[in-house]
Amino acid sequence: MLDLSKKEFYWNYIKRAAYALKTGELVAFPTETVYGLGAHLNDAKAIERIYEVKGRPEDKKLTLMVADREDVKKYVKCISRTATKLMDFFWPGPLAIIFTTNDDTDISIRLPDNEIARNLIRTAEIPVATTSANVSGHPASVNAQQVLKELGGNINIILDGGSTRFQSPSTMVKPDDGIVKIIRQGIISETAIWSCINTK
């Protein structure tokens, strides 16, 4: 566990974790919602390992976490007006949006409102696939100690950034032709989603 409250070690720890991601290892890190577990999106063994350590069903996809909004364009074929509204209103923040990729598959993308998460992803310079850092079906971890208890023996690095701000999972939505389907209800309410969509 790497304690990021020790400011003199902050960037060394970020770089160490980024290198771990690049080389196929799993890294747990804080976001504003819950702690995430990340792996290199294009490393099949690392992705397989995420599913293995979590006991996560294979039909549940992971979320691509990005450091900057511009990164979305690397993966997405077209950003709809509805998706743009959601991004303008809620990003960076606790909303994962499902887009259609350049190869016509769906992908969930989130831009977190957390400096540690974004610095890690930016430093790694790779696409980072994420999920919550807990055993599938268990409550999400909201501090590094809970991650250690849940997954400690199975992951390489835990970045300890203290307790998360919201201590609740992100909301996931799928916008389509002005209609938004709530895939997972989280910290952002359905009312807030529709308030955003109906704003001119």
C-alpha atoms as a PDB file:
ATOM      1  CA  MET A   1       0.000   0.000   0.000  1.00  0.00           C
ATOM      2  CA  LEU A   2       1.427   3.383  -1.039  1.00  0.00           C
ATOM      3  CA  ASP A   3       0.377   6.316   1.146  1.00  0.00           C
ATOM      4  CA  LEU A   4      -0.130   9.376  -1.049  1.00  0.00           C
ATOM      5  CA  SER A   5      -0.550  11.699   1.923  1.00  0.00           C
ATOM      6  CA  LYS A   6       3.262  11.682   2.073  1.00  0.00           C
ATOM      7  CA  LYS A   7       3.670  14.498  -0.437  1.00  0.00           C
ATOM      8  CA  GLU A   8       7.400  13.961  -0.922  1.00  0.00           C
ATOM      9  CA  PHE A   9       6.635  10.498  -2.335  1.00  0.00           C
ATOM     10  CA  TYR A  10       3.464  11.397  -4.272  1.00  0.00           C
ATOM     11  CA  TRP A  11       4.849  11.466  -7.812  1.00  0.00           C
ATOM     12  CA  ASN A  12       7.207   8.543  -7.223  1.00  0.00           C
ATOM     13  CA  TYR A  13       4.226   6.456  -6.134  1.00  0.00           C
ATOM     14  CA  ILE A  14       2.111   7.628  -9.083  1.00  0.00           C
ATOM     15  CA  LYS A  15       4.922   6.725 -11.509  1.00  0.00           C
ATOM     16  CA  ARG A  16       5.443   3.360  -9.822  1.00  0.00           C
ATOM     17  CA  ALA A  17       1.739   2.539 -10.121  1.00  0.00           C
ATOM     18  CA  ALA A  18       1.638   3.781 -13.728  1.00  0.00           C
ATOM     19  CA  TYR A  19       4.547   1.508 -14.626  1.00  0.00           C
ATOM     20  CA  ALA A  20       2.760  -1.401 -12.959  1.00  0.00           C
ATOM     21  CA  LEU A  21      -0.303  -0.787 -15.146  1.00  0.00           C
ATOM     22  CA  LYS A  22       1.868  -0.557 -18.263  1.00  0.00           C
ATOM     23  CA  THR A  23       3.486  -3.893 -17.508  1.00  0.00           C
ATOM     24  CA  GLY A  24       0.262  -5.823 -16.964  1.00  0.00           C
ATOM     25  CA  GLU A  25      -0.170  -5.546 -13.210  1.00  0.00           C
ATOM     26  CA  LEU A  26      -3.350  -4.594 -11.348  1.00  0.00           C
ATOM     27  CA  VAL A  27      -3.532  -1.323  -9.427  1.00  0.00           C
ATOM     28  CA  ALA A  28      -6.192  -0.117  -6.981  1.00  0.00           C
ATOM     29  CA  PHE A  29      -6.679   3.628  -6.673  1.00  0.00           C
ATOM     30  CA  PRO A  30      -9.172   6.156  -5.295  1.00  0.00           C
ATOM     31  CA  THR A  31     -11.792   8.022  -7.276  1.00  0.00           C
ATOM     32  CA  GLU A  32     -14.417  10.443  -5.992  1.00  0.00           C
ATOM     33  CA  THR A  33     -16.931   7.576  -5.755  1.00  0.00           C
ATOM     34  CA  VAL A  34     -15.275   4.329  -4.630  1.00  0.00           C
ATOM     35  CA  TYR A  35     -11.853   2.743  -5.056  1.00  0.00           C
ATOM     36  CA  GLY A  36     -11.217   1.439  -8.546  1.00  0.00           C
ATOM     37  CA  LEU A  37      -9.227  -1.539  -9.772  1.00  0.00           C
ATOM     38  CA  GLY A  38      -7.393  -0.853 -13.014  1.00  0.00           C
ATOM     39  CA  ALA A  39      -5.618  -2.826 -15.724  1.00  0.00           C
ATOM     40  CA  HIS A  40      -4.199  -2.199 -19.195  1.00  0.00           C
ATOM     41  CA  LEU A  41      -7.212  -2.404 -21.526  1.00  0.00           C
ATOM     42  CA  ASN A  42      -5.180  -4.027 -24.301  1.00  0.00           C
ATOM     43  CA  ASP A  43      -3.460  -6.615 -22.106  1.00  0.00           C
ATOM     44  CA  ALA A  44      -5.667  -9.713 -22.278  1.00  0.00           C
ATOM     45  CA  LYS A  45      -3.953 -11.408 -19.332  1.00  0.00           C
ATOM     46  CA  ALA A  46      -4.360  -8.332 -17.114  1.00  0.00           C
ATOM     47  CA  ILE A  47      -8.051  -8.072 -18.015  1.00  0.00           C
ATOM     48  CA  GLU A  48      -8.534 -11.777 -17.329  1.00  0.00           C
ATOM     49  CA  ARG A  49      -6.852 -11.252 -13.961  1.00  0.00           C
ATOM     50  CA  ILE A  50      -9.335  -8.517 -12.989  1.00  0.00           C
ATOM     51  CA  TYR A  51     -12.252 -10.869 -13.580  1.00  0.00           C
ATOM     52  CA  GLU A  52     -10.453 -13.631 -11.709  1.00  0.00           C
ATOM     53  CA  VAL A  53      -9.594 -11.686  -8.538  1.00  0.00           C
ATOM     54  CA  LYS A  54     -13.061 -10.128  -8.315  1.00  0.00           C
ATOM     55  CA  GLY A  55     -14.981 -13.260  -9.238  1.00  0.00           C
ATOM     56  CA  ARG A  56     -16.742 -10.999 -11.729  1.00  0.00           C
ATOM     57  CA  PRO A  57     -19.120 -12.517 -14.312  1.00  0.00           C
ATOM     58  CA  GLU A  58     -17.573 -12.368 -17.775  1.00  0.00           C
ATOM     59  CA  ASP A  59     -20.671 -10.757 -19.290  1.00  0.00           C
ATOM     60  CA  LYS A  60     -20.158  -7.645 -17.136  1.00  0.00           C
ATOM     61  CA  LYS A  61     -17.986  -5.222 -19.067  1.00  0.00           C
ATOM     62  CA  LEU A  62     -15.352  -2.951 -17.563  1.00  0.00           C
ATOM     63  CA  THR A  63     -15.300   0.852 -17.743  1.00  0.00           C
ATOM     64  CA  LEU A  64     -12.599   2.779 -19.565  1.00  0.00           C
ATOM     65  CA  MET A  65     -11.418   5.597 -17.320  1.00  0.00           C
ATOM     66  CA  VAL A  66      -9.846   8.622 -19.012  1.00  0.00           C
ATOM     67  CA  ALA A  67      -7.747  11.490 -17.698  1.00  0.00           C
ATOM     68  CA  ASP A  68      -9.029  14.149 -20.092  1.00  0.00           C
ATOM     69  CA  ARG A  69     -12.241  14.658 -22.025  1.00  0.00           C
ATOM     70  CA  GLU A  70     -10.367  14.825 -25.329  1.00  0.00           C
ATOM     71  CA  ASP A  71      -9.284  11.204 -24.818  1.00  0.00           C
ATOM     72  CA  VAL A  72     -12.822  10.016 -25.572  1.00  0.00           C
ATOM     73  CA  LYS A  73     -12.346  10.811 -29.264  1.00  0.00           C
ATOM     74  CA  LYS A  74      -9.638   8.144 -29.499  1.00  0.00           C
ATOM     75  CA  TYR A  75     -12.156   5.387 -28.864  1.00  0.00           C
ATOM     76  CA  VAL A  76     -15.592   6.651 -29.882  1.00  0.00           C
ATOM     77  CA  LYS A  77     -17.051   6.764 -33.383  1.00  0.00           C
ATOM     78  CA  CYS A  78     -19.519   9.599 -32.761  1.00  0.00           C
ATOM     79  CA  ILE A  79     -20.476  11.659 -29.719  1.00  0.00           C
ATOM     80  CA  SER A  80     -24.192  12.448 -29.818  1.00  0.00           C
ATOM     81  CA  ARG A  81     -25.733  15.739 -28.717  1.00  0.00           C
ATOM     82  CA  THR A  82     -27.261  13.946 -25.733  1.00  0.00           C
ATOM     83  CA  ALA A  83     -23.906  12.496 -24.694  1.00  0.00           C
ATOM     84  CA  THR A  84     -22.296  15.912 -25.122  1.00  0.00           C
ATOM     85  CA  LYS A  85     -24.894  17.440 -22.796  1.00  0.00           C
ATOM     86  CA  LEU A  86     -24.190  14.802 -20.176  1.00  0.00           C
ATOM     87  CA  MET A  87     -20.441  15.324 -20.491  1.00  0.00           C
ATOM     88  CA  ASP A  88     -20.815  19.108 -20.241  1.00  0.00           C
ATOM     89  CA  PHE A  89     -22.989  18.836 -17.147  1.00  0.00           C
ATOM     90  CA  PHE A  90     -21.466  15.956 -15.181  1.00  0.00           C
ATOM     91  CA  TRP A  91     -17.827  15.573 -16.262  1.00  0.00           C
ATOM     92  CA  PRO A  92     -15.451  15.320 -14.599  1.00  0.00           C
ATOM     93  CA  GLY A  93     -17.599  13.431 -12.157  1.00  0.00           C
ATOM     94  CA  PRO A  94     -19.432  10.262 -11.124  1.00  0.00           C
ATOM     95  CA  LEU A  95     -21.138   9.464 -14.429  1.00  0.00           C
ATOM     96  CA  ALA A  96     -20.111   6.638 -16.770  1.00  0.00           C
ATOM     97  CA  ILE A  97     -21.477   7.019 -20.296  1.00  0.00           C
ATOM     98  CA  ILE A  98     -21.837   4.156 -22.768  1.00  0.00           C
ATOM     99  CA  PHE A  99     -20.665   5.048 -26.267  1.00  0.00           C
ATOM    100  CA  THR A 100     -20.319   3.160 -29.546  1.00  0.00           C
ATOM    101  CA  THR A 101     -16.663   2.547 -30.360  1.00  0.00           C
ATOM    102  CA  ASN A 102     -14.896   2.783 -33.697  1.00  0.00           C
ATOM    103  CA  ASP A 103     -15.428  -0.964 -34.194  1.00  0.00           C
ATOM    104  CA  ASP A 104     -19.162  -0.761 -33.411  1.00  0.00           C
ATOM    105  CA  THR A 105     -19.087  -2.221 -29.905  1.00  0.00           C
ATOM    106  CA  ASP A 106     -20.319  -0.533 -26.748  1.00  0.00           C
ATOM    107  CA  ILE A 107     -17.898   0.865 -24.193  1.00  0.00           C
ATOM    108  CA  SER A 108     -18.500   2.620 -20.892  1.00  0.00           C
ATOM    109  CA  ILE A 109     -16.255   5.651 -20.342  1.00  0.00           C
ATOM    110  CA  ARG A 110     -15.812   7.840 -17.264  1.00  0.00           C
ATOM    111  CA  LEU A 111     -13.787  10.962 -16.548  1.00  0.00           C
ATOM    112  CA  PRO A 112     -13.306  10.941 -12.753  1.00  0.00           C
ATOM    113  CA  ASP A 113     -13.215  14.052 -10.610  1.00  0.00           C
ATOM    114  CA  ASN A 114     -10.199  12.862  -8.660  1.00  0.00           C
ATOM    115  CA  GLU A 115      -6.649  14.126  -9.068  1.00  0.00           C
ATOM    116  CA  ILE A 116      -4.979  10.844  -8.109  1.00  0.00           C
ATOM    117  CA  ALA A 117      -6.975   8.796 -10.613  1.00  0.00           C
ATOM    118  CA  ARG A 118      -6.404  11.252 -13.439  1.00  0.00           C
ATOM    119  CA  ASN A 119      -2.691  11.684 -12.698  1.00  0.00           C
ATOM    120  CA  LEU A 120      -2.266   7.911 -12.669  1.00  0.00           C
ATOM    121  CA  ILE A 121      -4.019   7.431 -16.017  1.00  0.00           C
ATOM    122  CA  ARG A 122      -2.251  10.388 -17.605  1.00  0.00           C
ATOM    123  CA  THR A 123       1.147   9.148 -16.416  1.00  0.00           C
ATOM    124  CA  ALA A 124       0.510   5.568 -17.553  1.00  0.00           C
ATOM    125  CA  GLU A 125      -0.257   6.757 -21.102  1.00  0.00           C
ATOM    126  CA  ILE A 126      -2.332   3.640 -21.778  1.00  0.00           C
ATOM    127  CA  PRO A 127      -6.070   2.928 -21.888  1.00  0.00           C
ATOM    128  CA  VAL A 128      -7.044   1.891 -18.352  1.00  0.00           C
ATOM    129  CA  ALA A 129      -9.964  -0.498 -17.881  1.00  0.00           C
ATOM    130  CA  THR A 130     -11.531  -0.271 -14.440  1.00  0.00           C
ATOM    131  CA  THR A 131     -14.070  -1.733 -12.085  1.00  0.00           C
ATOM    132  CA  SER A 132     -14.705  -1.326  -8.365  1.00  0.00           C
ATOM    133  CA  ALA A 133     -11.962  -2.695  -6.096  1.00  0.00           C
ATOM    134  CA  ASN A 134     -13.953  -5.343  -4.258  1.00  0.00           C
ATOM    135  CA  VAL A 135     -15.071  -8.932  -4.630  1.00  0.00           C
ATOM    136  CA  SER A 136     -18.072  -9.106  -6.947  1.00  0.00           C
ATOM    137  CA  GLY A 137     -21.286  -8.879  -4.936  1.00  0.00           C
ATOM    138  CA  HIS A 138     -19.581  -7.298  -1.920  1.00  0.00           C
ATOM    139  CA  PRO A 139     -19.989  -3.626  -0.934  1.00  0.00           C
ATOM    140  CA  ALA A 140     -17.665  -1.264  -2.796  1.00  0.00           C
ATOM    141  CA  SER A 141     -14.444  -0.238  -1.034  1.00  0.00           C
ATOM    142  CA  VAL A 142     -14.324   3.417   0.007  1.00  0.00           C
ATOM    143  CA  ASN A 143     -10.839   3.438   1.553  1.00  0.00           C
ATOM    144  CA  ALA A 144      -7.552   1.649   0.985  1.00  0.00           C
ATOM    145  CA  GLN A 145      -7.913  -0.517   4.088  1.00  0.00           C
ATOM    146  CA  GLN A 146     -11.126  -2.019   2.714  1.00  0.00           C
ATOM    147  CA  VAL A 147      -9.382  -2.725  -0.605  1.00  0.00           C
ATOM    148  CA  LEU A 148      -6.572  -4.467   1.262  1.00  0.00           C
ATOM    149  CA  LYS A 149      -9.070  -6.611   3.161  1.00  0.00           C
ATOM    150  CA  GLU A 150     -11.024  -7.480  -0.004  1.00  0.00           C
ATOM    151  CA  LEU A 151      -8.283  -7.976  -2.571  1.00  0.00           C
ATOM    152  CA  GLY A 152      -4.941  -7.340  -0.891  1.00  0.00           C
ATOM    153  CA  GLY A 153      -3.333 -10.672  -1.653  1.00  0.00           C
ATOM    154  CA  ASN A 154      -4.351 -10.586  -5.291  1.00  0.00           C
ATOM    155  CA  ILE A 155      -3.285  -7.159  -6.539  1.00  0.00           C
ATOM    156  CA  ASN A 156       0.099  -5.550  -6.954  1.00  0.00           C
ATOM    157  CA  ILE A 157      -0.331  -1.953  -5.792  1.00  0.00           C
ATOM    158  CA  ILE A 158      -2.892  -0.025  -3.742  1.00  0.00           C
ATOM    159  CA  LEU A 159      -2.656   3.763  -3.885  1.00  0.00           C
ATOM    160  CA  ASP A 160      -3.945   5.084  -0.565  1.00  0.00           C
ATOM    161  CA  GLY A 161      -5.614   8.442  -1.121  1.00  0.00           C
ATOM    162  CA  GLY A 162      -7.788   8.364   1.976  1.00  0.00           C
ATOM    163  CA  SER A 163     -11.551   7.884   2.049  1.00  0.00           C
ATOM    164  CA  THR A 164     -13.488   8.664  -1.107  1.00  0.00           C
ATOM    165  CA  ARG A 165     -15.646  11.789  -1.284  1.00  0.00           C
ATOM    166  CA  PHE A 166     -19.051  10.309  -2.178  1.00  0.00           C
ATOM    167  CA  GLN A 167     -18.590   6.756  -0.837  1.00  0.00           C
ATOM    168  CA  SER A 168     -21.108   5.531  -3.394  1.00  0.00           C
ATOM    169  CA  PRO A 169     -20.734   4.098  -6.925  1.00  0.00           C
ATOM    170  CA  SER A 170     -21.038   6.149 -10.093  1.00  0.00           C
ATOM    171  CA  THR A 171     -24.186   6.208 -12.203  1.00  0.00           C
ATOM    172  CA  MET A 172     -24.001   4.567 -15.641  1.00  0.00           C
ATOM    173  CA  VAL A 173     -26.158   5.649 -18.568  1.00  0.00           C
ATOM    174  CA  LYS A 174     -26.615   4.854 -22.251  1.00  0.00           C
ATOM    175  CA  PRO A 175     -27.784   7.824 -24.349  1.00  0.00           C
ATOM    176  CA  ASP A 176     -29.530   7.067 -27.635  1.00  0.00           C
ATOM    177  CA  ASP A 177     -31.374   9.558 -29.872  1.00  0.00           C
ATOM    178  CA  GLY A 178     -32.328  11.898 -27.048  1.00  0.00           C
ATOM    179  CA  ILE A 179     -33.342   9.048 -24.743  1.00  0.00           C
ATOM    180  CA  VAL A 180     -31.167   8.050 -21.815  1.00  0.00           C
ATOM    181  CA  LYS A 181     -31.317   4.570 -20.325  1.00  0.00           C
ATOM    182  CA  ILE A 182     -30.147   4.252 -16.722  1.00  0.00           C
ATOM    183  CA  ILE A 183     -27.934   1.163 -16.677  1.00  0.00           C
ATOM    184  CA  ARG A 184     -26.782   1.526 -13.072  1.00  0.00           C
ATOM    185  CA  GLN A 185     -28.193   3.923 -10.505  1.00  0.00           C
ATOM    186  CA  GLY A 186     -25.444   5.539  -8.464  1.00  0.00           C
ATOM    187  CA  ILE A 187     -24.666   8.849  -6.815  1.00  0.00           C
ATOM    188  CA  ILE A 188     -26.264  10.858  -9.657  1.00  0.00           C
ATOM    189  CA  SER A 189     -30.039  10.470  -9.556  1.00  0.00           C
ATOM    190  CA  GLU A 190     -32.330   9.775 -12.495  1.00  0.00           C
ATOM    191  CA  THR A 191     -33.969  13.144 -11.782  1.00  0.00           C
ATOM    192  CA  ALA A 192     -30.625  14.914 -12.204  1.00  0.00           C
ATOM    193  CA  ILE A 193     -30.010  13.068 -15.479  1.00  0.00           C
ATOM    194  CA  TRP A 194     -33.351  14.125 -16.945  1.00  0.00           C
ATOM    195  CA  SER A 195     -32.949  17.667 -15.663  1.00  0.00           C
ATOM    196  CA  CYS A 196     -29.718  17.848 -17.649  1.00  0.00           C
ATOM    197  CA  ILE A 197     -31.243  16.349 -20.804  1.00  0.00           C
ATOM    198  CA  ASN A 198     -34.245  18.673 -20.723  1.00  0.00           C
ATOM    199  CA  THR A 199     -32.107  21.786 -20.340  1.00  0.00           C
ATOM    200  CA  LYS A 200     -31.948  23.767 -23.582  1.00  0.00           C
END
